Amino acid sequence: MVVHIAECVLGVFAFDDEGQMLAFEPFPENPAEVAGRIVSVQMGTPTNEHRAVIRRLVNDGYHAFALESEPLAACFQKELKKVRLEVRVPNRAGSIVRNKLRNTAKEIGFEQVDKFARDISFILARHKLRAEATQRDKLIIKSISMLDEIDKFSNILAGLVREWYSNHFPELDRLIPDHHAYLKLVTRIGSRDRFTPVNIKNIVELPEKDLENIADAARNSLGAQFDELDLKSLQNCAQEILDLYELREQIAEYIDGLMVQVAPNLRAVVGGSIGARLVSLAGGLEQLARLPASTIQVLGAEKALFRALKTRARPPKHG
């Protein structure tokens, strides 16, 4: 006969195939201690109550047991060589103690089981939240999200500054396509009248021909005149966006440092930035490790892949 063993908030129970209780070992009547035991079971570590029930039943002549946890069964199999252990989910004991918790509590003389179970649930929820908060890969996901938001908003704001400054110096927009260089020139030079090759060269590195083209465009610009108040307001906005770019670099360095701690091998293979994005797209480091290679290949390119499948166009490059 197989003895079915399972645990609940009340303790560890053993039932036979007919649903008759064979043994019971209560947990302490302290929600925090019971929560700790449940966490131990979830981690694959047997409690003293489990050991007491199984040893008592072995002494009574039982040698076949069914547990609901494979790690627990493996642990007891090492400790008890002559005992046969198997895993059944759910087993007979688990079904009884979970579906008839109130009746089981009455049988053992336990009052207010609902409140007791609720208190334990709150403690377990707090424990899980704390555990989630301490996972460093979750910090990578949040940091990557922040990086993407900074990129999105800085690009929008830089485009608005370009439109604003184009009223004064419209030719500069096509001559300096890079947002960062454009904003630096606007912030440090200001008026188009001060766009000389020397002033430009002191701020951004450009070929001599480009320096002359910008200076000529400034001298012959069709834009309107801006007074110092106009320029000051525009330069303040441009400086705020430059500060966002600097913040972005700081977050990128922070993410790279997290990757050194969390996934150094992944960082070594694909780099810190791409590795962090893979972790973020997968939802965490453990989730990424569980994904098949074929899924990892198209992470971030799902829309392009499905569009290619639908329209029979060229698929996205991957692999």
C-alpha atoms as a PDB file:
ATOM      1  CA  MET A   1       0.000   0.000   0.000  1.00  0.00           C
ATOM      2  CA  VAL A   2       1.198   3.505  -0.880  1.00  0.00           C
ATOM      3  CA  VAL A   3       0.993   6.158   1.828  1.00  0.00           C
ATOM      4  CA  HIS A   4       0.187   9.640   0.513  1.00  0.00           C
ATOM      5  CA  ILE A   5       1.955  12.519   2.275  1.00  0.00           C
ATOM      6  CA  ALA A   6       1.224  16.220   1.860  1.00  0.00           C
ATOM      7  CA  GLU A   7       1.494  19.411   3.842  1.00  0.00           C
ATOM      8  CA  CYS A   8      -0.778  22.393   4.398  1.00  0.00           C
ATOM      9  CA  VAL A   9      -0.863  25.313   6.833  1.00  0.00           C
ATOM     10  CA  LEU A  10      -1.843  22.941   9.641  1.00  0.00           C
ATOM     11  CA  GLY A  11       1.045  20.521   9.312  1.00  0.00           C
ATOM     12  CA  VAL A  12       2.104  17.332   7.521  1.00  0.00           C
ATOM     13  CA  PHE A  13      -0.544  14.671   6.874  1.00  0.00           C
ATOM     14  CA  ALA A  14      -0.396  11.045   5.747  1.00  0.00           C
ATOM     15  CA  PHE A  15      -3.413   9.236   4.238  1.00  0.00           C
ATOM     16  CA  ASP A  16      -3.934   5.806   2.747  1.00  0.00           C
ATOM     17  CA  ASP A  17      -5.600   5.129  -0.612  1.00  0.00           C
ATOM     18  CA  GLU A  18      -9.035   5.122   1.025  1.00  0.00           C
ATOM     19  CA  GLY A  19      -8.578   8.588   2.537  1.00  0.00           C
ATOM     20  CA  GLN A  20      -7.992   7.355   6.083  1.00  0.00           C
ATOM     21  CA  MET A  21      -5.553   9.493   8.081  1.00  0.00           C
ATOM     22  CA  LEU A  22      -2.537   7.449   9.145  1.00  0.00           C
ATOM     23  CA  ALA A  23      -0.335  10.116  10.712  1.00  0.00           C
ATOM     24  CA  PHE A  24      -0.232  13.836  11.397  1.00  0.00           C
ATOM     25  CA  GLU A  25       2.492  16.154  12.643  1.00  0.00           C
ATOM     26  CA  PRO A  26       1.324  19.721  13.385  1.00  0.00           C
ATOM     27  CA  PHE A  27       3.207  22.856  12.450  1.00  0.00           C
ATOM     28  CA  PRO A  28       3.718  25.486  15.194  1.00  0.00           C
ATOM     29  CA  GLU A  29       0.725  27.761  15.743  1.00  0.00           C
ATOM     30  CA  ASN A  30       2.803  30.724  14.608  1.00  0.00           C
ATOM     31  CA  PRO A  31       2.091  32.062  11.090  1.00  0.00           C
ATOM     32  CA  ALA A  32       5.678  33.253  10.551  1.00  0.00           C
ATOM     33  CA  GLU A  33       7.150  29.854  11.451  1.00  0.00           C
ATOM     34  CA  VAL A  34       4.658  28.020   9.246  1.00  0.00           C
ATOM     35  CA  ALA A  35       5.428  30.368   6.355  1.00  0.00           C
ATOM     36  CA  GLY A  36       9.110  29.568   6.815  1.00  0.00           C
ATOM     37  CA  ARG A  37       8.382  25.853   6.607  1.00  0.00           C
ATOM     38  CA  ILE A  38       6.317  26.300   3.446  1.00  0.00           C
ATOM     39  CA  VAL A  39       9.170  28.247   1.847  1.00  0.00           C
ATOM     40  CA  SER A  40      11.555  25.434   2.822  1.00  0.00           C
ATOM     41  CA  VAL A  41       9.294  22.884   1.131  1.00  0.00           C
ATOM     42  CA  GLN A  42       9.095  25.066  -1.988  1.00  0.00           C
ATOM     43  CA  MET A  43      12.898  25.164  -2.022  1.00  0.00           C
ATOM     44  CA  GLY A  44      13.034  21.363  -1.773  1.00  0.00           C
ATOM     45  CA  THR A  45      14.113  21.148   1.872  1.00  0.00           C
ATOM     46  CA  PRO A  46      12.101  18.745   4.073  1.00  0.00           C
ATOM     47  CA  THR A  47      10.879  19.982   7.441  1.00  0.00           C
ATOM     48  CA  ASN A  48      11.281  18.197  10.760  1.00  0.00           C
ATOM     49  CA  GLU A  49       7.565  17.436  10.606  1.00  0.00           C
ATOM     50  CA  HIS A  50       8.006  15.587   7.299  1.00  0.00           C
ATOM     51  CA  ARG A  51      10.820  13.530   8.772  1.00  0.00           C
ATOM     52  CA  ALA A  52       8.791  12.730  11.899  1.00  0.00           C
ATOM     53  CA  VAL A  53       5.781  11.504   9.892  1.00  0.00           C
ATOM     54  CA  ILE A  54       7.806   9.339   7.513  1.00  0.00           C
ATOM     55  CA  ARG A  55       9.957   7.781  10.245  1.00  0.00           C
ATOM     56  CA  ARG A  56       6.893   7.001  12.334  1.00  0.00           C
ATOM     57  CA  LEU A  57       5.241   5.298   9.365  1.00  0.00           C
ATOM     58  CA  VAL A  58       8.415   3.379   8.496  1.00  0.00           C
ATOM     59  CA  ASN A  59       8.519   2.107  12.079  1.00  0.00           C
ATOM     60  CA  ASP A  60       4.878   1.039  11.655  1.00  0.00           C
ATOM     61  CA  GLY A  61       5.841  -1.066   8.648  1.00  0.00           C
ATOM     62  CA  TYR A  62       5.025   1.190   5.702  1.00  0.00           C
ATOM     63  CA  HIS A  63       7.658   1.342   2.935  1.00  0.00           C
ATOM     64  CA  ALA A  64       5.970   3.008  -0.053  1.00  0.00           C
ATOM     65  CA  PHE A  65       5.211   6.728  -0.043  1.00  0.00           C
ATOM     66  CA  ALA A  66       3.857   9.272  -2.526  1.00  0.00           C
ATOM     67  CA  LEU A  67       4.860  12.927  -2.147  1.00  0.00           C
ATOM     68  CA  GLU A  68       3.889  15.954  -4.215  1.00  0.00           C
ATOM     69  CA  SER A  69       7.405  17.427  -4.414  1.00  0.00           C
ATOM     70  CA  GLU A  70      10.106  15.795  -6.525  1.00  0.00           C
ATOM     71  CA  PRO A  71      12.977  17.485  -4.601  1.00  0.00           C
ATOM     72  CA  LEU A  72      11.511  16.258  -1.291  1.00  0.00           C
ATOM     73  CA  ALA A  73      11.148  12.731  -2.640  1.00  0.00           C
ATOM     74  CA  ALA A  74      14.745  12.747  -3.894  1.00  0.00           C
ATOM     75  CA  CYS A  75      15.986  14.015  -0.523  1.00  0.00           C
ATOM     76  CA  PHE A  76      14.178  11.297   1.446  1.00  0.00           C
ATOM     77  CA  GLN A  77      15.263   8.629  -1.019  1.00  0.00           C
ATOM     78  CA  LYS A  78      18.868   9.439  -0.128  1.00  0.00           C
ATOM     79  CA  GLU A  79      18.114   9.296   3.598  1.00  0.00           C
ATOM     80  CA  LEU A  80      15.958   6.149   3.537  1.00  0.00           C
ATOM     81  CA  LYS A  81      17.467   3.553   1.215  1.00  0.00           C
ATOM     82  CA  LYS A  82      14.914   0.786   1.851  1.00  0.00           C
ATOM     83  CA  VAL A  83      11.882   2.997   1.261  1.00  0.00           C
ATOM     84  CA  ARG A  84      10.186   3.428  -2.134  1.00  0.00           C
ATOM     85  CA  LEU A  85       9.244   7.017  -2.907  1.00  0.00           C
ATOM     86  CA  GLU A  86       7.314   8.389  -5.854  1.00  0.00           C
ATOM     87  CA  VAL A  87       5.860  11.728  -6.920  1.00  0.00           C
ATOM     88  CA  ARG A  88       2.146  12.208  -7.526  1.00  0.00           C
ATOM     89  CA  VAL A  89       0.654  15.652  -8.136  1.00  0.00           C
ATOM     90  CA  PRO A  90      -1.840  15.896  -6.607  1.00  0.00           C
ATOM     91  CA  ASN A  91      -1.766  12.866  -4.372  1.00  0.00           C
ATOM     92  CA  ARG A  92      -4.580  11.632  -2.144  1.00  0.00           C
ATOM     93  CA  ALA A  93      -3.378  13.514   0.931  1.00  0.00           C
ATOM     94  CA  GLY A  94      -2.938  16.786  -0.948  1.00  0.00           C
ATOM     95  CA  SER A  95      -6.454  16.632  -2.364  1.00  0.00           C
ATOM     96  CA  ILE A  96      -7.981  15.965   1.054  1.00  0.00           C
ATOM     97  CA  VAL A  97      -6.171  18.620   3.097  1.00  0.00           C
ATOM     98  CA  ARG A  98      -6.653  21.331   0.477  1.00  0.00           C
ATOM     99  CA  ASN A  99     -10.252  20.617  -0.516  1.00  0.00           C
ATOM    100  CA  LYS A 100     -11.436  19.909   3.031  1.00  0.00           C
ATOM    101  CA  LEU A 101      -9.206  22.228   5.042  1.00  0.00           C
ATOM    102  CA  ARG A 102     -11.929  23.337   7.473  1.00  0.00           C
ATOM    103  CA  ASN A 103     -13.082  19.769   8.130  1.00  0.00           C
ATOM    104  CA  THR A 104      -9.508  18.615   8.622  1.00  0.00           C
ATOM    105  CA  ALA A 105      -8.905  21.485  11.055  1.00  0.00           C
ATOM    106  CA  LYS A 106     -11.966  20.463  13.084  1.00  0.00           C
ATOM    107  CA  GLU A 107     -10.765  16.869  13.229  1.00  0.00           C
ATOM    108  CA  ILE A 108      -7.487  17.927  14.829  1.00  0.00           C
ATOM    109  CA  GLY A 109      -9.122  20.560  17.052  1.00  0.00           C
ATOM    110  CA  PHE A 110      -7.742  23.649  15.317  1.00  0.00           C
ATOM    111  CA  GLU A 111      -9.932  26.761  15.514  1.00  0.00           C
ATOM    112  CA  GLN A 112      -9.914  29.837  13.235  1.00  0.00           C
ATOM    113  CA  VAL A 113      -8.100  28.113  10.392  1.00  0.00           C
ATOM    114  CA  ASP A 114      -9.283  30.749   7.887  1.00  0.00           C
ATOM    115  CA  LYS A 115      -7.576  33.619   9.723  1.00  0.00           C
ATOM    116  CA  PHE A 116      -4.483  31.484  10.285  1.00  0.00           C
ATOM    117  CA  ALA A 117      -4.240  30.618   6.581  1.00  0.00           C
ATOM    118  CA  ARG A 118      -4.804  34.262   5.602  1.00  0.00           C
ATOM    119  CA  ASP A 119      -2.008  35.482   7.887  1.00  0.00           C
ATOM    120  CA  ILE A 120       0.362  32.903   6.405  1.00  0.00           C
ATOM    121  CA  SER A 121      -0.627  33.954   2.875  1.00  0.00           C
ATOM    122  CA  PHE A 122       0.227  37.587   3.670  1.00  0.00           C
ATOM    123  CA  ILE A 123       3.635  36.584   5.029  1.00  0.00           C
ATOM    124  CA  LEU A 124       4.361  34.411   1.984  1.00  0.00           C
ATOM    125  CA  ALA A 125       3.319  37.237  -0.347  1.00  0.00           C
ATOM    126  CA  ARG A 126       5.660  39.684   1.410  1.00  0.00           C
ATOM    127  CA  HIS A 127       8.457  37.125   1.269  1.00  0.00           C
ATOM    128  CA  LYS A 128       7.951  36.637  -2.465  1.00  0.00           C
ATOM    129  CA  LEU A 129       7.882  40.383  -3.109  1.00  0.00           C
ATOM    130  CA  ARG A 130      11.121  40.845  -1.162  1.00  0.00           C
ATOM    131  CA  ALA A 131      12.705  37.975  -3.073  1.00  0.00           C
ATOM    132  CA  GLU A 132      11.621  39.512  -6.374  1.00  0.00           C
ATOM    133  CA  ALA A 133      13.009  42.896  -5.343  1.00  0.00           C
ATOM    134  CA  THR A 134      16.426  41.427  -4.572  1.00  0.00           C
ATOM    135  CA  GLN A 135      16.781  39.775  -7.986  1.00  0.00           C
ATOM    136  CA  ARG A 136      19.372  41.809  -9.847  1.00  0.00           C
ATOM    137  CA  ASP A 137      18.052  40.847 -13.277  1.00  0.00           C
ATOM    138  CA  LYS A 138      14.837  42.712 -12.443  1.00  0.00           C
ATOM    139  CA  LEU A 139      16.948  45.853 -11.995  1.00  0.00           C
ATOM    140  CA  ILE A 140      18.306  45.307 -15.499  1.00  0.00           C
ATOM    141  CA  ILE A 141      14.771  45.141 -16.890  1.00  0.00           C
ATOM    142  CA  LYS A 142      13.733  48.370 -15.145  1.00  0.00           C
ATOM    143  CA  SER A 143      16.938  50.140 -16.189  1.00  0.00           C
ATOM    144  CA  ILE A 144      16.522  49.138 -19.836  1.00  0.00           C
ATOM    145  CA  SER A 145      12.948  50.425 -19.703  1.00  0.00           C
ATOM    146  CA  MET A 146      14.208  53.740 -18.312  1.00  0.00           C
ATOM    147  CA  LEU A 147      16.856  53.899 -21.052  1.00  0.00           C
ATOM    148  CA  ASP A 148      14.227  53.405 -23.753  1.00  0.00           C
ATOM    149  CA  GLU A 149      12.009  56.116 -22.281  1.00  0.00           C
ATOM    150  CA  ILE A 150      14.927  58.567 -22.145  1.00  0.00           C
ATOM    151  CA  ASP A 151      15.754  57.793 -25.789  1.00  0.00           C
ATOM    152  CA  LYS A 152      12.147  58.328 -26.837  1.00  0.00           C
ATOM    153  CA  PHE A 153      11.632  61.605 -25.005  1.00  0.00           C
ATOM    154  CA  SER A 154      15.062  63.042 -25.810  1.00  0.00           C
ATOM    155  CA  ASN A 155      14.484  62.376 -29.530  1.00  0.00           C
ATOM    156  CA  ILE A 156      11.082  64.057 -29.383  1.00  0.00           C
ATOM    157  CA  LEU A 157      12.468  67.069 -27.518  1.00  0.00           C
ATOM    158  CA  ALA A 158      15.509  67.328 -29.792  1.00  0.00           C
ATOM    159  CA  GLY A 159      13.185  67.398 -32.808  1.00  0.00           C
ATOM    160  CA  LEU A 160      11.202  70.234 -31.221  1.00  0.00           C
ATOM    161  CA  VAL A 161      14.392  72.212 -30.546  1.00  0.00           C
ATOM    162  CA  ARG A 162      15.415  71.713 -34.175  1.00  0.00           C
ATOM    163  CA  GLU A 163      12.071  73.106 -35.339  1.00  0.00           C
ATOM    164  CA  TRP A 164      12.395  76.038 -32.947  1.00  0.00           C
ATOM    165  CA  TYR A 165      15.978  76.912 -33.887  1.00  0.00           C
ATOM    166  CA  SER A 166      15.212  76.463 -37.603  1.00  0.00           C
ATOM    167  CA  ASN A 167      13.251  79.712 -37.435  1.00  0.00           C
ATOM    168  CA  HIS A 168      16.619  81.383 -36.802  1.00  0.00           C
ATOM    169  CA  PHE A 169      19.069  79.136 -38.714  1.00  0.00           C
ATOM    170  CA  PRO A 170      17.086  76.669 -40.907  1.00  0.00           C
ATOM    171  CA  GLU A 171      20.113  75.523 -42.931  1.00  0.00           C
ATOM    172  CA  LEU A 172      21.792  73.962 -39.880  1.00  0.00           C
ATOM    173  CA  ASP A 173      19.135  71.237 -39.666  1.00  0.00           C
ATOM    174  CA  ARG A 174      20.337  69.396 -42.789  1.00  0.00           C
ATOM    175  CA  LEU A 175      24.031  70.151 -42.204  1.00  0.00           C
ATOM    176  CA  ILE A 176      24.104  68.588 -38.697  1.00  0.00           C
ATOM    177  CA  PRO A 177      21.913  65.445 -38.660  1.00  0.00           C
ATOM    178  CA  ASP A 178      23.197  64.237 -35.263  1.00  0.00           C
ATOM    179  CA  HIS A 179      20.981  65.473 -32.418  1.00  0.00           C
ATOM    180  CA  HIS A 180      23.754  65.571 -29.834  1.00  0.00           C
ATOM    181  CA  ALA A 181      26.107  67.656 -31.987  1.00  0.00           C
ATOM    182  CA  TYR A 182      23.248  69.957 -33.009  1.00  0.00           C
ATOM    183  CA  LEU A 183      22.230  70.621 -29.414  1.00  0.00           C
ATOM    184  CA  LYS A 184      25.826  71.297 -28.352  1.00  0.00           C
ATOM    185  CA  LEU A 185      26.211  73.902 -31.110  1.00  0.00           C
ATOM    186  CA  VAL A 186      22.929  75.584 -30.192  1.00  0.00           C
ATOM    187  CA  THR A 187      23.783  75.612 -26.481  1.00  0.00           C
ATOM    188  CA  ARG A 188      27.358  76.892 -26.745  1.00  0.00           C
ATOM    189  CA  ILE A 189      27.198  79.182 -29.784  1.00  0.00           C
ATOM    190  CA  GLY A 190      23.616  80.394 -29.870  1.00  0.00           C
ATOM    191  CA  SER A 191      23.270  83.066 -32.530  1.00  0.00           C
ATOM    192  CA  ARG A 192      24.017  82.090 -36.136  1.00  0.00           C
ATOM    193  CA  ASP A 193      26.215  85.187 -36.375  1.00  0.00           C
ATOM    194  CA  ARG A 194      28.764  83.402 -34.157  1.00  0.00           C
ATOM    195  CA  PHE A 195      28.949  80.251 -36.334  1.00  0.00           C
ATOM    196  CA  THR A 196      32.556  80.574 -37.434  1.00  0.00           C
ATOM    197  CA  PRO A 197      34.808  77.613 -38.350  1.00  0.00           C
ATOM    198  CA  VAL A 198      36.868  78.186 -35.199  1.00  0.00           C
ATOM    199  CA  ASN A 199      33.850  78.281 -32.863  1.00  0.00           C
ATOM    200  CA  ILE A 200      32.318  75.181 -34.457  1.00  0.00           C
ATOM    201  CA  LYS A 201      35.600  73.253 -34.351  1.00  0.00           C
ATOM    202  CA  ASN A 202      35.956  73.922 -30.620  1.00  0.00           C
ATOM    203  CA  ILE A 203      32.628  72.135 -29.990  1.00  0.00           C
ATOM    204  CA  VAL A 204      32.280  69.292 -32.514  1.00  0.00           C
ATOM    205  CA  GLU A 205      34.765  67.455 -34.692  1.00  0.00           C
ATOM    206  CA  LEU A 206      33.946  67.959 -38.372  1.00  0.00           C
ATOM    207  CA  PRO A 207      35.929  67.974 -41.633  1.00  0.00           C
ATOM    208  CA  GLU A 208      37.211  71.399 -42.723  1.00  0.00           C
ATOM    209  CA  LYS A 209      34.864  71.393 -45.703  1.00  0.00           C
ATOM    210  CA  ASP A 210      31.836  70.919 -43.434  1.00  0.00           C
ATOM    211  CA  LEU A 211      33.024  73.711 -41.146  1.00  0.00           C
ATOM    212  CA  GLU A 212      33.185  76.109 -44.086  1.00  0.00           C
ATOM    213  CA  ASN A 213      29.784  75.006 -45.385  1.00  0.00           C
ATOM    214  CA  ILE A 214      28.146  75.680 -42.002  1.00  0.00           C
ATOM    215  CA  ALA A 215      29.832  79.067 -41.683  1.00  0.00           C
ATOM    216  CA  ASP A 216      28.750  80.042 -45.230  1.00  0.00           C
ATOM    217  CA  ALA A 217      25.195  78.895 -44.516  1.00  0.00           C
ATOM    218  CA  ALA A 218      25.133  81.026 -41.346  1.00  0.00           C
ATOM    219  CA  ARG A 219      26.297  84.120 -43.240  1.00  0.00           C
ATOM    220  CA  ASN A 220      23.665  83.663 -45.961  1.00  0.00           C
ATOM    221  CA  SER A 221      20.857  82.242 -43.791  1.00  0.00           C
ATOM    222  CA  LEU A 222      17.240  83.024 -44.635  1.00  0.00           C
ATOM    223  CA  GLY A 223      16.135  82.654 -41.003  1.00  0.00           C
ATOM    224  CA  ALA A 224      14.705  85.337 -38.743  1.00  0.00           C
ATOM    225  CA  GLN A 225      16.718  87.264 -36.200  1.00  0.00           C
ATOM    226  CA  PHE A 226      16.538  86.100 -32.565  1.00  0.00           C
ATOM    227  CA  ASP A 227      17.262  88.425 -29.674  1.00  0.00           C
ATOM    228  CA  GLU A 228      19.182  87.301 -26.584  1.00  0.00           C
ATOM    229  CA  LEU A 229      16.004  86.397 -24.680  1.00  0.00           C
ATOM    230  CA  ASP A 230      14.862  84.112 -27.526  1.00  0.00           C
ATOM    231  CA  LEU A 231      18.257  82.445 -27.692  1.00  0.00           C
ATOM    232  CA  LYS A 232      18.529  82.064 -23.914  1.00  0.00           C
ATOM    233  CA  SER A 233      15.198  80.227 -23.657  1.00  0.00           C
ATOM    234  CA  LEU A 234      16.132  77.958 -26.554  1.00  0.00           C
ATOM    235  CA  GLN A 235      19.591  77.254 -25.139  1.00  0.00           C
ATOM    236  CA  ASN A 236      18.135  76.346 -21.740  1.00  0.00           C
ATOM    237  CA  CYS A 237      15.876  73.752 -23.379  1.00  0.00           C
ATOM    238  CA  ALA A 238      18.765  72.366 -25.422  1.00  0.00           C
ATOM    239  CA  GLN A 239      20.898  72.064 -22.279  1.00  0.00           C
ATOM    240  CA  GLU A 240      18.175  70.092 -20.504  1.00  0.00           C
ATOM    241  CA  ILE A 241      18.158  67.586 -23.366  1.00  0.00           C
ATOM    242  CA  LEU A 242      21.958  67.337 -23.221  1.00  0.00           C
ATOM    243  CA  ASP A 243      21.601  66.562 -19.520  1.00  0.00           C
ATOM    244  CA  LEU A 244      19.226  63.747 -20.501  1.00  0.00           C
ATOM    245  CA  TYR A 245      21.891  62.372 -22.835  1.00  0.00           C
ATOM    246  CA  GLU A 246      24.392  62.452 -19.982  1.00  0.00           C
ATOM    247  CA  LEU A 247      21.906  60.676 -17.707  1.00  0.00           C
ATOM    248  CA  ARG A 248      21.449  58.059 -20.418  1.00  0.00           C
ATOM    249  CA  GLU A 249      25.186  57.384 -20.478  1.00  0.00           C
ATOM    250  CA  GLN A 250      25.235  57.004 -16.692  1.00  0.00           C
ATOM    251  CA  ILE A 251      22.361  54.490 -16.797  1.00  0.00           C
ATOM    252  CA  ALA A 252      24.073  52.594 -19.633  1.00  0.00           C
ATOM    253  CA  GLU A 253      27.225  52.298 -17.501  1.00  0.00           C
ATOM    254  CA  TYR A 254      25.098  51.140 -14.556  1.00  0.00           C
ATOM    255  CA  ILE A 255      23.455  48.463 -16.725  1.00  0.00           C
ATOM    256  CA  ASP A 256      26.846  47.269 -17.929  1.00  0.00           C
ATOM    257  CA  GLY A 257      27.951  46.955 -14.302  1.00  0.00           C
ATOM    258  CA  LEU A 258      24.815  44.952 -13.489  1.00  0.00           C
ATOM    259  CA  MET A 259      25.551  42.630 -16.398  1.00  0.00           C
ATOM    260  CA  VAL A 260      29.040  42.017 -14.995  1.00  0.00           C
ATOM    261  CA  GLN A 261      27.408  40.886 -11.728  1.00  0.00           C
ATOM    262  CA  VAL A 262      24.401  39.014 -13.107  1.00  0.00           C
ATOM    263  CA  ALA A 263      25.399  37.561 -16.483  1.00  0.00           C
ATOM    264  CA  PRO A 264      29.129  37.968 -17.144  1.00  0.00           C
ATOM    265  CA  ASN A 265      29.200  35.153 -19.709  1.00  0.00           C
ATOM    266  CA  LEU A 266      26.314  36.626 -21.689  1.00  0.00           C
ATOM    267  CA  ARG A 267      27.989  40.041 -21.576  1.00  0.00           C
ATOM    268  CA  ALA A 268      31.242  38.552 -22.850  1.00  0.00           C
ATOM    269  CA  VAL A 269      29.456  36.953 -25.811  1.00  0.00           C
ATOM    270  CA  VAL A 270      27.100  39.711 -26.999  1.00  0.00           C
ATOM    271  CA  GLY A 271      28.104  42.776 -24.973  1.00  0.00           C
ATOM    272  CA  GLY A 272      26.470  44.463 -22.012  1.00  0.00           C
ATOM    273  CA  SER A 273      23.833  46.449 -23.914  1.00  0.00           C
ATOM    274  CA  ILE A 274      22.554  43.640 -26.151  1.00  0.00           C
ATOM    275  CA  GLY A 275      22.752  41.136 -23.305  1.00  0.00           C
ATOM    276  CA  ALA A 276      20.666  43.403 -21.080  1.00  0.00           C
ATOM    277  CA  ARG A 277      18.058  43.762 -23.821  1.00  0.00           C
ATOM    278  CA  LEU A 278      17.859  39.995 -24.216  1.00  0.00           C
ATOM    279  CA  VAL A 279      17.277  39.649 -20.461  1.00  0.00           C
ATOM    280  CA  SER A 280      14.602  42.352 -20.618  1.00  0.00           C
ATOM    281  CA  LEU A 281      12.812  40.853 -23.630  1.00  0.00           C
ATOM    282  CA  ALA A 282      12.801  37.395 -22.050  1.00  0.00           C
ATOM    283  CA  GLY A 283      11.466  38.749 -18.742  1.00  0.00           C
ATOM    284  CA  GLY A 284      14.463  37.735 -16.619  1.00  0.00           C
ATOM    285  CA  LEU A 285      17.688  35.775 -16.630  1.00  0.00           C
ATOM    286  CA  GLU A 286      16.061  32.476 -15.670  1.00  0.00           C
ATOM    287  CA  GLN A 287      13.395  32.889 -18.345  1.00  0.00           C
ATOM    288  CA  LEU A 288      16.097  33.627 -20.924  1.00  0.00           C
ATOM    289  CA  ALA A 289      18.010  30.507 -19.924  1.00  0.00           C
ATOM    290  CA  ARG A 290      14.875  28.404 -20.455  1.00  0.00           C
ATOM    291  CA  LEU A 291      14.183  29.711 -23.960  1.00  0.00           C
ATOM    292  CA  PRO A 292      15.133  27.594 -26.976  1.00  0.00           C
ATOM    293  CA  ALA A 293      17.791  29.011 -29.291  1.00  0.00           C
ATOM    294  CA  SER A 294      15.233  29.473 -32.070  1.00  0.00           C
ATOM    295  CA  THR A 295      13.242  31.853 -29.853  1.00  0.00           C
ATOM    296  CA  ILE A 296      16.285  33.805 -28.686  1.00  0.00           C
ATOM    297  CA  GLN A 297      17.224  34.365 -32.340  1.00  0.00           C
ATOM    298  CA  VAL A 298      14.136  36.464 -33.005  1.00  0.00           C
ATOM    299  CA  LEU A 299      13.794  38.281 -29.667  1.00  0.00           C
ATOM    300  CA  GLY A 300      12.976  41.885 -30.471  1.00  0.00           C
ATOM    301  CA  ALA A 301      12.163  41.088 -34.118  1.00  0.00           C
ATOM    302  CA  GLU A 302       8.820  39.361 -33.619  1.00  0.00           C
ATOM    303  CA  LYS A 303       6.801  41.914 -35.598  1.00  0.00           C
ATOM    304  CA  ALA A 304       9.209  41.801 -38.514  1.00  0.00           C
ATOM    305  CA  LEU A 305       9.198  37.997 -38.469  1.00  0.00           C
ATOM    306  CA  PHE A 306       5.397  37.691 -38.505  1.00  0.00           C
ATOM    307  CA  ARG A 307       5.180  40.381 -41.193  1.00  0.00           C
ATOM    308  CA  ALA A 308       7.629  38.384 -43.304  1.00  0.00           C
ATOM    309  CA  LEU A 309       5.618  35.197 -42.780  1.00  0.00           C
ATOM    310  CA  LYS A 310       2.384  36.951 -43.709  1.00  0.00           C
ATOM    311  CA  THR A 311       3.632  38.842 -46.770  1.00  0.00           C
ATOM    312  CA  ARG A 312       6.333  36.358 -47.805  1.00  0.00           C
ATOM    313  CA  ALA A 313       8.864  39.167 -47.676  1.00  0.00           C
ATOM    314  CA  ARG A 314      12.461  38.753 -46.594  1.00  0.00           C
ATOM    315  CA  PRO A 315      12.689  37.699 -42.920  1.00  0.00           C
ATOM    316  CA  PRO A 316      14.640  39.800 -40.400  1.00  0.00           C
ATOM    317  CA  LYS A 317      18.326  39.050 -40.123  1.00  0.00           C
ATOM    318  CA  HIS A 318      19.097  36.903 -37.106  1.00  0.00           C
ATOM    319  CA  GLY A 319      21.271  34.036 -35.965  1.00  0.00           C
END
